[in-house]
Amino acid sequence: MNTKLKTNIILLLIASTTSMLGCQKEDPKKPSSNTPQEQITTVILKGYNHDDPSDSLHQFMIKWEDLDGDGGNPPSIDSLILDTGFEYHINLIIIDKTKTPFDTVSKEIEDLKNVHQFFYTPSKELEDKMEVKIDEFDSNNPPLPFGMEVNLHITADTLYNLPVIGKLNIVLSHYDGIPKTAKPSPESDIDINIPIRLK
């Protein structure tokens, strides 16, 4: 076999190997340690009465939005008004409006839920009046909370006066290159406060 033929075979093998590697899709259950942070401009909270989804009096859709990012104009934030004695089911919709058309990144985050987790922390005014329940888990072993969907149980107002004004802090932790745990990561894709009014 002449030198030129050997060289051509070697180049062909290298090209085939590179092509095969380039076509491999990342397994969402085993994301790489270089999972990029999501670009997020808009968070929508869509909710309803957990015990009666058809109850039109207790359905809502509110929005947090910051189109120009950190350091620009302050975000536009709707208030969430809730009745006491109800449990609300809330679904988060995450959007990137820097793209045309707008990009809903909720599915991307859900596909990578093994390296993401939502944390919900009521402010001091709401601590004993609002219980946050997450029953949506990832596929880690053992499974860990994910929380793009969440239930908020608002206790009855027998022990406190209404209205009550507070905030719900929502953080989307991003575990990039570190194991996911039940605690927030040092890195977050979302860290927002939603004004809450109990009536």
C-alpha atoms as a PDB file:
ATOM      1  CA  MET A   1       0.000   0.000   0.000  1.00  0.00           C
ATOM      2  CA  ASN A   2       1.497   3.303  -1.053  1.00  0.00           C
ATOM      3  CA  THR A   3       1.917   6.292   1.263  1.00  0.00           C
ATOM      4  CA  LYS A   4      -0.734   8.394  -0.496  1.00  0.00           C
ATOM      5  CA  LEU A   5      -3.395   5.666  -0.104  1.00  0.00           C
ATOM      6  CA  LYS A   6      -2.521   5.202   3.594  1.00  0.00           C
ATOM      7  CA  THR A   7      -2.874   8.942   4.166  1.00  0.00           C
ATOM      8  CA  ASN A   8      -6.280   9.009   2.423  1.00  0.00           C
ATOM      9  CA  ILE A   9      -7.568   6.099   4.540  1.00  0.00           C
ATOM     10  CA  ILE A  10      -6.408   7.775   7.771  1.00  0.00           C
ATOM     11  CA  LEU A  11      -8.090  11.066   6.778  1.00  0.00           C
ATOM     12  CA  LEU A  12     -11.301   9.193   5.932  1.00  0.00           C
ATOM     13  CA  LEU A  13     -11.321   7.477   9.335  1.00  0.00           C
ATOM     14  CA  ILE A  14     -10.788  10.792  11.150  1.00  0.00           C
ATOM     15  CA  ALA A  15     -13.598  12.416   9.170  1.00  0.00           C
ATOM     16  CA  SER A  16     -15.975   9.517   9.934  1.00  0.00           C
ATOM     17  CA  THR A  17     -15.198   9.648  13.655  1.00  0.00           C
ATOM     18  CA  THR A  18     -15.709  13.426  13.779  1.00  0.00           C
ATOM     19  CA  SER A  19     -19.009  13.108  11.920  1.00  0.00           C
ATOM     20  CA  MET A  20     -20.262  10.435  14.314  1.00  0.00           C
ATOM     21  CA  LEU A  21     -19.361  12.536  17.346  1.00  0.00           C
ATOM     22  CA  GLY A  22     -21.035  15.602  15.862  1.00  0.00           C
ATOM     23  CA  CYS A  23     -24.300  13.703  15.312  1.00  0.00           C
ATOM     24  CA  GLN A  24     -24.560  12.425  18.871  1.00  0.00           C
ATOM     25  CA  LYS A  25     -27.390  14.078  20.782  1.00  0.00           C
ATOM     26  CA  GLU A  26     -26.951  15.003  24.400  1.00  0.00           C
ATOM     27  CA  ASP A  27     -28.920  12.761  26.738  1.00  0.00           C
ATOM     28  CA  PRO A  28     -31.137  15.117  28.788  1.00  0.00           C
ATOM     29  CA  LYS A  29     -30.872  12.706  31.724  1.00  0.00           C
ATOM     30  CA  LYS A  30     -27.090  13.082  31.687  1.00  0.00           C
ATOM     31  CA  PRO A  31     -26.441  16.701  30.684  1.00  0.00           C
ATOM     32  CA  SER A  32     -22.898  17.884  30.259  1.00  0.00           C
ATOM     33  CA  SER A  33     -21.182  20.074  32.811  1.00  0.00           C
ATOM     34  CA  ASN A  34     -21.345  22.913  30.300  1.00  0.00           C
ATOM     35  CA  THR A  35     -25.125  23.326  30.130  1.00  0.00           C
ATOM     36  CA  PRO A  36     -25.598  26.983  29.098  1.00  0.00           C
ATOM     37  CA  GLN A  37     -27.762  29.331  31.129  1.00  0.00           C
ATOM     38  CA  GLU A  38     -31.123  30.066  29.584  1.00  0.00           C
ATOM     39  CA  GLN A  39     -31.928  33.573  28.317  1.00  0.00           C
ATOM     40  CA  ILE A  40     -35.133  34.505  30.163  1.00  0.00           C
ATOM     41  CA  THR A  41     -37.085  37.738  29.785  1.00  0.00           C
ATOM     42  CA  THR A  42     -40.582  36.696  30.831  1.00  0.00           C
ATOM     43  CA  VAL A  43     -42.132  34.448  33.477  1.00  0.00           C
ATOM     44  CA  ILE A  44     -45.883  33.783  33.363  1.00  0.00           C
ATOM     45  CA  LEU A  45     -47.750  32.251  36.300  1.00  0.00           C
ATOM     46  CA  LYS A  46     -50.914  30.530  35.112  1.00  0.00           C
ATOM     47  CA  GLY A  47     -53.115  29.204  37.893  1.00  0.00           C
ATOM     48  CA  TYR A  48     -56.479  27.816  38.918  1.00  0.00           C
ATOM     49  CA  ASN A  49     -58.379  26.365  41.878  1.00  0.00           C
ATOM     50  CA  HIS A  50     -56.713  22.996  42.523  1.00  0.00           C
ATOM     51  CA  ASP A  51     -59.979  21.446  43.764  1.00  0.00           C
ATOM     52  CA  ASP A  52     -62.134  22.848  40.944  1.00  0.00           C
ATOM     53  CA  PRO A  53     -60.228  23.759  37.750  1.00  0.00           C
ATOM     54  CA  SER A  54     -63.490  24.969  36.161  1.00  0.00           C
ATOM     55  CA  ASP A  55     -63.930  27.635  38.876  1.00  0.00           C
ATOM     56  CA  SER A  56     -63.591  30.783  36.745  1.00  0.00           C
ATOM     57  CA  LEU A  57     -63.438  33.068  39.803  1.00  0.00           C
ATOM     58  CA  HIS A  58     -60.125  31.557  40.862  1.00  0.00           C
ATOM     59  CA  GLN A  59     -58.237  31.431  37.569  1.00  0.00           C
ATOM     60  CA  PHE A  60     -55.435  33.853  36.774  1.00  0.00           C
ATOM     61  CA  MET A  61     -52.515  34.602  34.495  1.00  0.00           C
ATOM     62  CA  ILE A  62     -49.925  37.108  35.703  1.00  0.00           C
ATOM     63  CA  LYS A  63     -46.556  38.118  34.314  1.00  0.00           C
ATOM     64  CA  TRP A  64     -43.063  39.138  35.403  1.00  0.00           C
ATOM     65  CA  GLU A  65     -41.099  40.671  32.547  1.00  0.00           C
ATOM     66  CA  ASP A  66     -37.696  42.308  32.099  1.00  0.00           C
ATOM     67  CA  LEU A  67     -37.012  42.805  28.399  1.00  0.00           C
ATOM     68  CA  ASP A  68     -33.740  44.743  28.716  1.00  0.00           C
ATOM     69  CA  GLY A  69     -32.085  42.589  31.396  1.00  0.00           C
ATOM     70  CA  ASP A  70     -30.005  43.597  34.416  1.00  0.00           C
ATOM     71  CA  GLY A  71     -29.061  47.238  34.660  1.00  0.00           C
ATOM     72  CA  GLY A  72     -31.825  48.464  32.355  1.00  0.00           C
ATOM     73  CA  ASN A  73     -35.348  49.519  33.208  1.00  0.00           C
ATOM     74  CA  PRO A  74     -36.977  47.854  36.230  1.00  0.00           C
ATOM     75  CA  PRO A  75     -39.045  44.755  35.445  1.00  0.00           C
ATOM     76  CA  SER A  76     -42.791  44.941  34.910  1.00  0.00           C
ATOM     77  CA  ILE A  77     -44.473  42.797  37.577  1.00  0.00           C
ATOM     78  CA  ASP A  78     -48.149  41.914  38.047  1.00  0.00           C
ATOM     79  CA  SER A  79     -49.502  41.265  41.537  1.00  0.00           C
ATOM     80  CA  LEU A  80     -50.992  37.894  42.424  1.00  0.00           C
ATOM     81  CA  ILE A  81     -54.252  38.237  44.361  1.00  0.00           C
ATOM     82  CA  LEU A  82     -55.359  35.079  46.187  1.00  0.00           C
ATOM     83  CA  ASP A  83     -58.335  34.143  48.355  1.00  0.00           C
ATOM     84  CA  THR A  84     -57.669  32.451  51.673  1.00  0.00           C
ATOM     85  CA  GLY A  85     -58.850  28.901  52.246  1.00  0.00           C
ATOM     86  CA  PHE A  86     -58.005  27.787  48.706  1.00  0.00           C
ATOM     87  CA  GLU A  87     -55.297  25.681  47.129  1.00  0.00           C
ATOM     88  CA  TYR A  88     -54.068  26.984  43.782  1.00  0.00           C
ATOM     89  CA  HIS A  89     -52.277  24.958  41.121  1.00  0.00           C
ATOM     90  CA  ILE A  90     -49.703  27.093  39.284  1.00  0.00           C
ATOM     91  CA  ASN A  91     -47.837  26.350  36.080  1.00  0.00           C
ATOM     92  CA  LEU A  92     -44.822  28.482  35.105  1.00  0.00           C
ATOM     93  CA  ILE A  93     -44.325  29.458  31.473  1.00  0.00           C
ATOM     94  CA  ILE A  94     -40.775  30.670  30.717  1.00  0.00           C
ATOM     95  CA  ILE A  95     -40.155  32.819  27.625  1.00  0.00           C
ATOM     96  CA  ASP A  96     -37.195  34.412  25.852  1.00  0.00           C
ATOM     97  CA  LYS A  97     -38.438  37.493  23.988  1.00  0.00           C
ATOM     98  CA  THR A  98     -34.993  38.448  22.688  1.00  0.00           C
ATOM     99  CA  LYS A  99     -35.669  36.061  19.791  1.00  0.00           C
ATOM    100  CA  THR A 100     -38.020  36.517  16.852  1.00  0.00           C
ATOM    101  CA  PRO A 101     -40.393  34.773  17.055  1.00  0.00           C
ATOM    102  CA  PHE A 102     -40.486  34.515  20.847  1.00  0.00           C
ATOM    103  CA  ASP A 103     -38.943  31.325  22.219  1.00  0.00           C
ATOM    104  CA  THR A 104     -40.755  29.422  24.954  1.00  0.00           C
ATOM    105  CA  VAL A 105     -37.906  27.794  26.873  1.00  0.00           C
ATOM    106  CA  SER A 106     -40.108  25.899  29.354  1.00  0.00           C
ATOM    107  CA  LYS A 107     -39.700  22.652  27.384  1.00  0.00           C
ATOM    108  CA  GLU A 108     -35.916  23.065  27.240  1.00  0.00           C
ATOM    109  CA  ILE A 109     -35.751  23.566  31.012  1.00  0.00           C
ATOM    110  CA  GLU A 110     -38.027  20.571  31.577  1.00  0.00           C
ATOM    111  CA  ASP A 111     -35.840  18.405  29.322  1.00  0.00           C
ATOM    112  CA  LEU A 112     -32.889  19.394  31.542  1.00  0.00           C
ATOM    113  CA  LYS A 113     -34.731  19.123  34.865  1.00  0.00           C
ATOM    114  CA  ASN A 114     -31.975  16.897  36.265  1.00  0.00           C
ATOM    115  CA  VAL A 115     -29.827  20.053  36.469  1.00  0.00           C
ATOM    116  CA  HIS A 116     -32.598  22.540  37.345  1.00  0.00           C
ATOM    117  CA  GLN A 117     -34.858  23.107  40.338  1.00  0.00           C
ATOM    118  CA  PHE A 118     -37.410  25.794  41.212  1.00  0.00           C
ATOM    119  CA  PHE A 119     -37.423  27.122  44.783  1.00  0.00           C
ATOM    120  CA  TYR A 120     -40.385  29.064  46.207  1.00  0.00           C
ATOM    121  CA  THR A 121     -39.912  31.148  49.353  1.00  0.00           C
ATOM    122  CA  PRO A 122     -42.771  33.202  50.823  1.00  0.00           C
ATOM    123  CA  SER A 123     -41.784  36.452  52.554  1.00  0.00           C
ATOM    124  CA  LYS A 124     -42.084  36.762  56.324  1.00  0.00           C
ATOM    125  CA  GLU A 125     -45.601  38.187  56.076  1.00  0.00           C
ATOM    126  CA  LEU A 126     -46.762  34.999  54.302  1.00  0.00           C
ATOM    127  CA  GLU A 127     -44.717  32.344  56.122  1.00  0.00           C
ATOM    128  CA  ASP A 128     -47.540  30.904  58.247  1.00  0.00           C
ATOM    129  CA  LYS A 129     -50.276  31.627  55.708  1.00  0.00           C
ATOM    130  CA  MET A 130     -48.971  30.001  52.527  1.00  0.00           C
ATOM    131  CA  GLU A 131     -47.720  26.441  52.074  1.00  0.00           C
ATOM    132  CA  VAL A 132     -45.814  25.585  48.898  1.00  0.00           C
ATOM    133  CA  LYS A 133     -46.149  22.000  47.675  1.00  0.00           C
ATOM    134  CA  ILE A 134     -43.958  20.537  44.934  1.00  0.00           C
ATOM    135  CA  ASP A 135     -44.849  17.056  43.718  1.00  0.00           C
ATOM    136  CA  GLU A 136     -43.008  17.168  40.389  1.00  0.00           C
ATOM    137  CA  PHE A 137     -39.683  15.325  40.416  1.00  0.00           C
ATOM    138  CA  ASP A 138     -36.748  14.652  38.099  1.00  0.00           C
ATOM    139  CA  SER A 139     -35.222  11.298  37.091  1.00  0.00           C
ATOM    140  CA  ASN A 140     -32.174  11.471  39.358  1.00  0.00           C
ATOM    141  CA  ASN A 141     -31.608   8.577  41.747  1.00  0.00           C
ATOM    142  CA  PRO A 142     -33.103   9.280  44.211  1.00  0.00           C
ATOM    143  CA  PRO A 143     -35.533  11.676  42.487  1.00  0.00           C
ATOM    144  CA  LEU A 144     -35.231  15.345  43.461  1.00  0.00           C
ATOM    145  CA  PRO A 145     -37.863  18.101  43.187  1.00  0.00           C
ATOM    146  CA  PHE A 146     -38.180  20.013  39.926  1.00  0.00           C
ATOM    147  CA  GLY A 147     -41.156  22.327  40.460  1.00  0.00           C
ATOM    148  CA  MET A 148     -42.180  24.049  37.225  1.00  0.00           C
ATOM    149  CA  GLU A 149     -45.674  23.191  38.471  1.00  0.00           C
ATOM    150  CA  VAL A 150     -46.502  23.889  42.105  1.00  0.00           C
ATOM    151  CA  ASN A 151     -49.459  24.044  44.497  1.00  0.00           C
ATOM    152  CA  LEU A 152     -49.969  26.991  46.853  1.00  0.00           C
ATOM    153  CA  HIS A 153     -52.202  26.244  49.823  1.00  0.00           C
ATOM    154  CA  ILE A 154     -53.542  29.429  51.425  1.00  0.00           C
ATOM    155  CA  THR A 155     -54.695  28.830  54.997  1.00  0.00           C
ATOM    156  CA  ALA A 156     -58.067  30.140  56.154  1.00  0.00           C
ATOM    157  CA  ASP A 157     -58.023  33.604  57.718  1.00  0.00           C
ATOM    158  CA  THR A 158     -59.240  32.641  61.210  1.00  0.00           C
ATOM    159  CA  LEU A 159     -56.015  33.743  62.946  1.00  0.00           C
ATOM    160  CA  TYR A 160     -54.994  36.864  61.032  1.00  0.00           C
ATOM    161  CA  ASN A 161     -56.411  40.047  59.552  1.00  0.00           C
ATOM    162  CA  LEU A 162     -56.856  40.660  55.849  1.00  0.00           C
ATOM    163  CA  PRO A 163     -55.550  41.870  53.524  1.00  0.00           C
ATOM    164  CA  VAL A 164     -52.030  40.478  53.874  1.00  0.00           C
ATOM    165  CA  ILE A 165     -49.335  41.877  51.578  1.00  0.00           C
ATOM    166  CA  GLY A 166     -46.114  39.995  50.891  1.00  0.00           C
ATOM    167  CA  LYS A 167     -43.919  38.497  48.188  1.00  0.00           C
ATOM    168  CA  LEU A 168     -43.146  35.068  46.783  1.00  0.00           C
ATOM    169  CA  ASN A 169     -39.520  34.639  45.778  1.00  0.00           C
ATOM    170  CA  ILE A 170     -39.025  32.246  42.846  1.00  0.00           C
ATOM    171  CA  VAL A 171     -35.529  30.979  42.049  1.00  0.00           C
ATOM    172  CA  LEU A 172     -34.597  28.613  39.242  1.00  0.00           C
ATOM    173  CA  SER A 173     -31.351  26.984  40.337  1.00  0.00           C
ATOM    174  CA  HIS A 174     -28.993  25.793  37.605  1.00  0.00           C
ATOM    175  CA  TYR A 175     -26.554  23.035  38.637  1.00  0.00           C
ATOM    176  CA  ASP A 176     -23.756  23.483  36.108  1.00  0.00           C
ATOM    177  CA  GLY A 177     -20.927  21.002  36.611  1.00  0.00           C
ATOM    178  CA  ILE A 178     -21.980  20.199  40.187  1.00  0.00           C
ATOM    179  CA  PRO A 179     -24.346  17.506  41.491  1.00  0.00           C
ATOM    180  CA  LYS A 180     -27.953  18.563  41.934  1.00  0.00           C
ATOM    181  CA  THR A 181     -29.089  18.546  45.563  1.00  0.00           C
ATOM    182  CA  ALA A 182     -32.201  19.606  47.476  1.00  0.00           C
ATOM    183  CA  LYS A 183     -30.517  22.955  48.184  1.00  0.00           C
ATOM    184  CA  PRO A 184     -30.215  25.952  45.827  1.00  0.00           C
ATOM    185  CA  SER A 185     -27.134  26.055  43.624  1.00  0.00           C
ATOM    186  CA  PRO A 186     -24.719  29.016  43.513  1.00  0.00           C
ATOM    187  CA  GLU A 187     -25.979  29.760  39.981  1.00  0.00           C
ATOM    188  CA  SER A 188     -29.546  30.727  39.071  1.00  0.00           C
ATOM    189  CA  ASP A 189     -31.396  31.359  35.800  1.00  0.00           C
ATOM    190  CA  ILE A 190     -34.293  33.132  37.559  1.00  0.00           C
ATOM    191  CA  ASP A 191     -34.437  35.049  40.847  1.00  0.00           C
ATOM    192  CA  ILE A 192     -37.633  37.101  40.976  1.00  0.00           C
ATOM    193  CA  ASN A 193     -40.182  38.365  43.506  1.00  0.00           C
ATOM    194  CA  ILE A 194     -43.908  38.223  42.818  1.00  0.00           C
ATOM    195  CA  PRO A 195     -46.090  40.610  44.903  1.00  0.00           C
ATOM    196  CA  ILE A 196     -48.805  38.647  46.738  1.00  0.00           C
ATOM    197  CA  ARG A 197     -52.042  39.966  48.232  1.00  0.00           C
ATOM    198  CA  LEU A 198     -54.253  37.680  50.328  1.00  0.00           C
ATOM    199  CA  LYS A 199     -57.864  38.802  50.581  1.00  0.00           C
END
